[in-house]
Amino acid sequence: MIMQNATLTWRKSSRSGAAGHCVEVAEVPAAVLVRDSKDVTGPVLTFGAGDWTGFIAGVRAGEFDRPGA
């Protein structure tokens, strides 16, 4: 079971815009949690540490870039 949201330390990307349209992440042992910053009581995605590392590597490699964006 994941800890209560109130006990987690959530952080936003340093590239987040002033409008607040971003995601936040929190780390717990062996997992990274992700939520929508506009819906802090909404659902939370849970990624295993290895899956998160792979996702970040894909972002850095441009795997998720939209053509023409």
PDB file of N, CA and C in Angstrom:
ATOM      1  N   MET A   1       0.837  -1.188   0.000  1.00  0.00           N
ATOM      2  CA  MET A   1       0.000   0.000   0.000  1.00  0.00           C
ATOM      3  C   MET A   1       0.884   1.253   0.000  1.00  0.00           C
ATOM      4  N   ILE A   2       0.482   2.250  -0.775  1.00  0.00           N
ATOM      5  CA  ILE A   2       1.227   3.501  -0.866  1.00  0.00           C
ATOM      6  C   ILE A   2       0.867   4.394   0.310  1.00  0.00           C
ATOM      7  N   MET A   3       1.847   5.138   0.789  1.00  0.00           N
ATOM      8  CA  MET A   3       1.623   6.066   1.896  1.00  0.00           C
ATOM      9  C   MET A   3       0.552   7.098   1.546  1.00  0.00           C
ATOM     10  N   GLN A   4      -0.038   7.660   2.552  1.00  0.00           N
ATOM     11  CA  GLN A   4      -0.980   8.756   2.345  1.00  0.00           C
ATOM     12  C   GLN A   4      -0.301   9.883   1.590  1.00  0.00           C
ATOM     13  N   ASN A   5      -1.024  10.524   0.667  1.00  0.00           N
ATOM     14  CA  ASN A   5      -0.453  11.618  -0.107  1.00  0.00           C
ATOM     15  C   ASN A   5       0.098  12.727   0.777  1.00  0.00           C
ATOM     16  N   ALA A   6      -0.492  12.958   1.936  1.00  0.00           N
ATOM     17  CA  ALA A   6      -0.051  14.042   2.817  1.00  0.00           C
ATOM     18  C   ALA A   6       1.361  13.803   3.348  1.00  0.00           C
ATOM     19  N   THR A   7       1.811  12.555   3.383  1.00  0.00           N
ATOM     20  CA  THR A   7       3.130  12.265   3.930  1.00  0.00           C
ATOM     21  C   THR A   7       4.218  12.229   2.863  1.00  0.00           C
ATOM     22  N   LEU A   8       3.839  12.383   1.607  1.00  0.00           N
ATOM     23  CA  LEU A   8       4.810  12.327   0.514  1.00  0.00           C
ATOM     24  C   LEU A   8       5.343  13.712   0.189  1.00  0.00           C
ATOM     25  N   THR A   9       6.560  13.755  -0.324  1.00  0.00           N
ATOM     26  CA  THR A   9       7.133  15.009  -0.809  1.00  0.00           C
ATOM     27  C   THR A   9       7.035  14.999  -2.328  1.00  0.00           C
ATOM     28  N   TRP A  10       6.128  15.808  -2.859  1.00  0.00           N
ATOM     29  CA  TRP A  10       5.909  15.896  -4.299  1.00  0.00           C
ATOM     30  C   TRP A  10       6.764  17.016  -4.863  1.00  0.00           C
ATOM     31  N   ARG A  11       7.289  16.803  -6.082  1.00  0.00           N
ATOM     32  CA  ARG A  11       8.073  17.860  -6.732  1.00  0.00           C
ATOM     33  C   ARG A  11       7.687  17.954  -8.200  1.00  0.00           C
ATOM     34  N   LYS A  12       7.811  19.169  -8.715  1.00  0.00           N
ATOM     35  CA  LYS A  12       7.511  19.438 -10.122  1.00  0.00           C
ATOM     36  C   LYS A  12       8.819  19.594 -10.881  1.00  0.00           C
ATOM     37  N   SER A  13       8.735  19.401 -12.175  1.00  0.00           N
ATOM     38  CA  SER A  13       9.893  19.614 -13.029  1.00  0.00           C
ATOM     39  C   SER A  13      10.294  21.083 -12.992  1.00  0.00           C
ATOM     40  N   SER A  14      11.582  21.324 -13.100  1.00  0.00           N
ATOM     41  CA  SER A  14      12.064  22.708 -13.167  1.00  0.00           C
ATOM     42  C   SER A  14      11.617  23.369 -14.469  1.00  0.00           C
ATOM     43  N   ARG A  15      11.138  22.596 -15.410  1.00  0.00           N
ATOM     44  CA  ARG A  15      10.654  23.125 -16.688  1.00  0.00           C
ATOM     45  C   ARG A  15       9.152  23.369 -16.683  1.00  0.00           C
ATOM     46  N   SER A  16       8.504  23.207 -15.555  1.00  0.00           N
ATOM     47  CA  SER A  16       7.067  23.434 -15.473  1.00  0.00           C
ATOM     48  C   SER A  16       6.748  24.895 -15.730  1.00  0.00           C
ATOM     49  N   GLY A  17       5.683  25.121 -16.443  1.00  0.00           N
ATOM     50  CA  GLY A  17       5.258  26.484 -16.743  1.00  0.00           C
ATOM     51  C   GLY A  17       4.527  27.122 -15.579  1.00  0.00           C
ATOM     52  N   ALA A  18       4.353  28.426 -15.655  1.00  0.00           N
ATOM     53  CA  ALA A  18       3.679  29.172 -14.595  1.00  0.00           C
ATOM     54  C   ALA A  18       2.201  28.800 -14.484  1.00  0.00           C
ATOM     55  N   ALA A  19       1.611  28.284 -15.561  1.00  0.00           N
ATOM     56  CA  ALA A  19       0.190  27.928 -15.552  1.00  0.00           C
ATOM     57  C   ALA A  19      -0.084  26.690 -14.706  1.00  0.00           C
ATOM     58  N   GLY A  20       0.953  25.950 -14.355  1.00  0.00           N
ATOM     59  CA  GLY A  20       0.779  24.788 -13.487  1.00  0.00           C
ATOM     60  C   GLY A  20       0.300  23.535 -14.187  1.00  0.00           C
ATOM     61  N   HIS A  21       0.383  23.490 -15.505  1.00  0.00           N
ATOM     62  CA  HIS A  21      -0.032  22.305 -16.250  1.00  0.00           C
ATOM     63  C   HIS A  21       1.126  21.326 -16.318  1.00  0.00           C
ATOM     64  N   CYS A  22       1.242  20.522 -15.294  1.00  0.00           N
ATOM     65  CA  CYS A  22       2.376  19.611 -15.254  1.00  0.00           C
ATOM     66  C   CYS A  22       2.049  18.409 -14.380  1.00  0.00           C
ATOM     67  N   VAL A  23       3.009  17.537 -14.280  1.00  0.00           N
ATOM     68  CA  VAL A  23       2.900  16.401 -13.381  1.00  0.00           C
ATOM     69  C   VAL A  23       3.866  16.605 -12.222  1.00  0.00           C
ATOM     70  N   GLU A  24       3.603  15.905 -11.157  1.00  0.00           N
ATOM     71  CA  GLU A  24       4.483  15.930  -9.987  1.00  0.00           C
ATOM     72  C   GLU A  24       4.908  14.501  -9.707  1.00  0.00           C
ATOM     73  N   VAL A  25       6.089  14.342  -9.154  1.00  0.00           N
ATOM     74  CA  VAL A  25       6.580  13.014  -8.797  1.00  0.00           C
ATOM     75  C   VAL A  25       6.967  12.980  -7.321  1.00  0.00           C
ATOM     76  N   ALA A  26       6.829  11.813  -6.744  1.00  0.00           N
ATOM     77  CA  ALA A  26       7.268  11.555  -5.370  1.00  0.00           C
ATOM     78  C   ALA A  26       7.949  10.195  -5.388  1.00  0.00           C
ATOM     79  N   GLU A  27       8.987  10.054  -4.606  1.00  0.00           N
ATOM     80  CA  GLU A  27       9.714   8.783  -4.550  1.00  0.00           C
ATOM     81  C   GLU A  27       9.436   8.081  -3.228  1.00  0.00           C
ATOM     82  N   VAL A  28       9.202   6.787  -3.332  1.00  0.00           N
ATOM     83  CA  VAL A  28       9.064   5.914  -2.166  1.00  0.00           C
ATOM     84  C   VAL A  28      10.012   4.748  -2.411  1.00  0.00           C
ATOM     85  N   PRO A  29      10.290   3.953  -1.405  1.00  0.00           N
ATOM     86  CA  PRO A  29      11.201   2.831  -1.647  1.00  0.00           C
ATOM     87  C   PRO A  29      10.731   1.962  -2.820  1.00  0.00           C
ATOM     88  N   ALA A  30      11.612   1.777  -3.795  1.00  0.00           N
ATOM     89  CA  ALA A  30      11.398   0.907  -4.954  1.00  0.00           C
ATOM     90  C   ALA A  30      10.337   1.390  -5.940  1.00  0.00           C
ATOM     91  N   ALA A  31       9.870   2.646  -5.825  1.00  0.00           N
ATOM     92  CA  ALA A  31       8.861   3.121  -6.767  1.00  0.00           C
ATOM     93  C   ALA A  31       8.919   4.639  -6.908  1.00  0.00           C
ATOM     94  N   VAL A  32       8.369   5.104  -8.022  1.00  0.00           N
ATOM     95  CA  VAL A  32       8.184   6.537  -8.259  1.00  0.00           C
ATOM     96  C   VAL A  32       6.704   6.741  -8.531  1.00  0.00           C
ATOM     97  N   LEU A  33       6.104   7.705  -7.852  1.00  0.00           N
ATOM     98  CA  LEU A  33       4.689   8.008  -7.996  1.00  0.00           C
ATOM     99  C   LEU A  33       4.525   9.262  -8.837  1.00  0.00           C
ATOM    100  N   VAL A  34       3.499   9.288  -9.677  1.00  0.00           N
ATOM    101  CA  VAL A  34       3.264  10.418 -10.570  1.00  0.00           C
ATOM    102  C   VAL A  34       1.798  10.817 -10.466  1.00  0.00           C
ATOM    103  N   ARG A  35       1.548  12.146 -10.381  1.00  0.00           N
ATOM    104  CA  ARG A  35       0.171  12.642 -10.332  1.00  0.00           C
ATOM    105  C   ARG A  35       0.061  13.931 -11.134  1.00  0.00           C
ATOM    106  N   ASP A  36      -1.159  14.303 -11.443  1.00  0.00           N
ATOM    107  CA  ASP A  36      -1.474  15.545 -12.139  1.00  0.00           C
ATOM    108  C   ASP A  36      -1.468  16.664 -11.102  1.00  0.00           C
ATOM    109  N   SER A  37      -0.692  17.702 -11.335  1.00  0.00           N
ATOM    110  CA  SER A  37      -0.578  18.787 -10.357  1.00  0.00           C
ATOM    111  C   SER A  37      -1.885  19.559 -10.180  1.00  0.00           C
ATOM    112  N   LYS A  38      -2.786  19.482 -11.157  1.00  0.00           N
ATOM    113  CA  LYS A  38      -4.065  20.180 -11.052  1.00  0.00           C
ATOM    114  C   LYS A  38      -5.107  19.357 -10.303  1.00  0.00           C
ATOM    115  N   ASP A  39      -4.826  18.090 -10.042  1.00  0.00           N
ATOM    116  CA  ASP A  39      -5.775  17.191  -9.377  1.00  0.00           C
ATOM    117  C   ASP A  39      -5.029  16.381  -8.329  1.00  0.00           C
ATOM    118  N   VAL A  40      -4.600  17.055  -7.264  1.00  0.00           N
ATOM    119  CA  VAL A  40      -3.736  16.414  -6.270  1.00  0.00           C
ATOM    120  C   VAL A  40      -4.435  15.315  -5.479  1.00  0.00           C
ATOM    121  N   THR A  41      -5.748  15.270  -5.515  1.00  0.00           N
ATOM    122  CA  THR A  41      -6.469  14.193  -4.831  1.00  0.00           C
ATOM    123  C   THR A  41      -6.888  13.095  -5.806  1.00  0.00           C
ATOM    124  N   GLY A  42      -6.508  13.253  -7.061  1.00  0.00           N
ATOM    125  CA  GLY A  42      -6.868  12.286  -8.092  1.00  0.00           C
ATOM    126  C   GLY A  42      -5.957  11.068  -8.086  1.00  0.00           C
ATOM    127  N   PRO A  43      -6.040  10.298  -9.159  1.00  0.00           N
ATOM    128  CA  PRO A  43      -5.262   9.053  -9.231  1.00  0.00           C
ATOM    129  C   PRO A  43      -3.760   9.296  -9.268  1.00  0.00           C
ATOM    130  N   VAL A  44      -3.030   8.301  -8.811  1.00  0.00           N
ATOM    131  CA  VAL A  44      -1.566   8.333  -8.779  1.00  0.00           C
ATOM    132  C   VAL A  44      -1.066   7.114  -9.537  1.00  0.00           C
ATOM    133  N   LEU A  45      -0.177   7.339 -10.491  1.00  0.00           N
ATOM    134  CA  LEU A  45       0.462   6.236 -11.206  1.00  0.00           C
ATOM    135  C   LEU A  45       1.691   5.795 -10.429  1.00  0.00           C
ATOM    136  N   THR A  46       1.932   4.497 -10.396  1.00  0.00           N
ATOM    137  CA  THR A  46       3.090   3.954  -9.691  1.00  0.00           C
ATOM    138  C   THR A  46       3.985   3.239 -10.695  1.00  0.00           C
ATOM    139  N   PHE A  47       5.247   3.647 -10.738  1.00  0.00           N
ATOM    140  CA  PHE A  47       6.236   3.043 -11.617  1.00  0.00           C
ATOM    141  C   PHE A  47       7.303   2.367 -10.764  1.00  0.00           C
ATOM    142  N   GLY A  48       7.694   1.162 -11.122  1.00  0.00           N
ATOM    143  CA  GLY A  48       8.849   0.543 -10.497  1.00  0.00           C
ATOM    144  C   GLY A  48      10.081   1.372 -10.824  1.00  0.00           C
ATOM    145  N   ALA A  49      11.087   1.309  -9.998  1.00  0.00           N
ATOM    146  CA  ALA A  49      12.286   2.133 -10.196  1.00  0.00           C
ATOM    147  C   ALA A  49      12.914   1.899 -11.570  1.00  0.00           C
ATOM    148  N   GLY A  50      13.000   0.659 -12.016  1.00  0.00           N
ATOM    149  CA  GLY A  50      13.577   0.355 -13.327  1.00  0.00           C
ATOM    150  C   GLY A  50      12.729   0.889 -14.465  1.00  0.00           C
ATOM    151  N   ASP A  51      11.409   0.786 -14.336  1.00  0.00           N
ATOM    152  CA  ASP A  51      10.512   1.308 -15.364  1.00  0.00           C
ATOM    153  C   ASP A  51      10.640   2.825 -15.475  1.00  0.00           C
ATOM    154  N   TRP A  52      10.739   3.496 -14.336  1.00  0.00           N
ATOM    155  CA  TRP A  52      10.883   4.953 -14.344  1.00  0.00           C
ATOM    156  C   TRP A  52      12.200   5.365 -15.014  1.00  0.00           C
ATOM    157  N   THR A  53      13.260   4.659 -14.696  1.00  0.00           N
ATOM    158  CA  THR A  53      14.562   4.953 -15.305  1.00  0.00           C
ATOM    159  C   THR A  53      14.483   4.793 -16.814  1.00  0.00           C
ATOM    160  N   GLY A  54      13.821   3.738 -17.284  1.00  0.00           N
ATOM    161  CA  GLY A  54      13.642   3.530 -18.716  1.00  0.00           C
ATOM    162  C   GLY A  54      12.803   4.617 -19.356  1.00  0.00           C
ATOM    163  N   PHE A  55      11.747   5.043 -18.678  1.00  0.00           N
ATOM    164  CA  PHE A  55      10.899   6.122 -19.192  1.00  0.00           C
ATOM    165  C   PHE A  55      11.698   7.412 -19.339  1.00  0.00           C
ATOM    166  N   ILE A  56      12.445   7.784 -18.327  1.00  0.00           N
ATOM    167  CA  ILE A  56      13.243   9.015 -18.372  1.00  0.00           C
ATOM    168  C   ILE A  56      14.283   8.926 -19.495  1.00  0.00           C
ATOM    169  N   ALA A  57      14.897   7.769 -19.675  1.00  0.00           N
ATOM    170  CA  ALA A  57      15.856   7.596 -20.769  1.00  0.00           C
ATOM    171  C   ALA A  57      15.163   7.800 -22.115  1.00  0.00           C
ATOM    172  N   GLY A  58      13.937   7.303 -22.258  1.00  0.00           N
ATOM    173  CA  GLY A  58      13.181   7.492 -23.492  1.00  0.00           C
ATOM    174  C   GLY A  58      12.838   8.945 -23.740  1.00  0.00           C
ATOM    175  N   VAL A  59      12.468   9.665 -22.685  1.00  0.00           N
ATOM    176  CA  VAL A  59      12.182  11.097 -22.817  1.00  0.00           C
ATOM    177  C   VAL A  59      13.426  11.829 -23.298  1.00  0.00           C
ATOM    178  N   ARG A  60      14.532  11.554 -22.666  1.00  0.00           N
ATOM    179  CA  ARG A  60      15.790  12.224 -23.040  1.00  0.00           C
ATOM    180  C   ARG A  60      16.213  11.887 -24.464  1.00  0.00           C
ATOM    181  N   ALA A  61      15.875  10.684 -24.935  1.00  0.00           N
ATOM    182  CA  ALA A  61      16.241  10.258 -26.288  1.00  0.00           C
ATOM    183  C   ALA A  61      15.248  10.759 -27.335  1.00  0.00           C
ATOM    184  N   GLY A  62      14.163  11.406 -26.899  1.00  0.00           N
ATOM    185  CA  GLY A  62      13.185  11.944 -27.837  1.00  0.00           C
ATOM    186  C   GLY A  62      12.162  10.931 -28.325  1.00  0.00           C
ATOM    187  N   GLU A  63      12.057   9.772 -27.674  1.00  0.00           N
ATOM    188  CA  GLU A  63      11.132   8.729 -28.109  1.00  0.00           C
ATOM    189  C   GLU A  63       9.671   9.174 -28.104  1.00  0.00           C
ATOM    190  N   PHE A  64       9.339  10.153 -27.291  1.00  0.00           N
ATOM    191  CA  PHE A  64       7.945  10.555 -27.143  1.00  0.00           C
ATOM    192  C   PHE A  64       7.644  11.910 -27.771  1.00  0.00           C
ATOM    193  N   ASP A  65       8.613  12.459 -28.477  1.00  0.00           N
ATOM    194  CA  ASP A  65       8.416  13.761 -29.119  1.00  0.00           C
ATOM    195  C   ASP A  65       7.371  13.642 -30.222  1.00  0.00           C
ATOM    196  N   ARG A  66       6.538  14.656 -30.326  1.00  0.00           N
ATOM    197  CA  ARG A  66       5.533  14.684 -31.384  1.00  0.00           C
ATOM    198  C   ARG A  66       6.158  15.285 -32.641  1.00  0.00           C
ATOM    199  N   PRO A  67       5.943  14.647 -33.779  1.00  0.00           N
ATOM    200  CA  PRO A  67       6.471  15.204 -35.023  1.00  0.00           C
ATOM    201  C   PRO A  67       5.888  16.608 -35.277  1.00  0.00           C
ATOM    202  N   GLY A  68       6.735  17.533 -35.632  1.00  0.00           N
ATOM    203  CA  GLY A  68       6.286  18.889 -35.943  1.00  0.00           C
ATOM    204  C   GLY A  68       5.956  19.745 -34.743  1.00  0.00           C
ATOM    205  N   ALA A  69       6.170  19.245 -33.535  1.00  0.00           N
ATOM    206  CA  ALA A  69       5.845  20.055 -32.337  1.00  0.00           C
ATOM    207  C   ALA A  69       7.015  20.909 -31.916  1.00  0.00           C
TER     208      ALA A  69
END
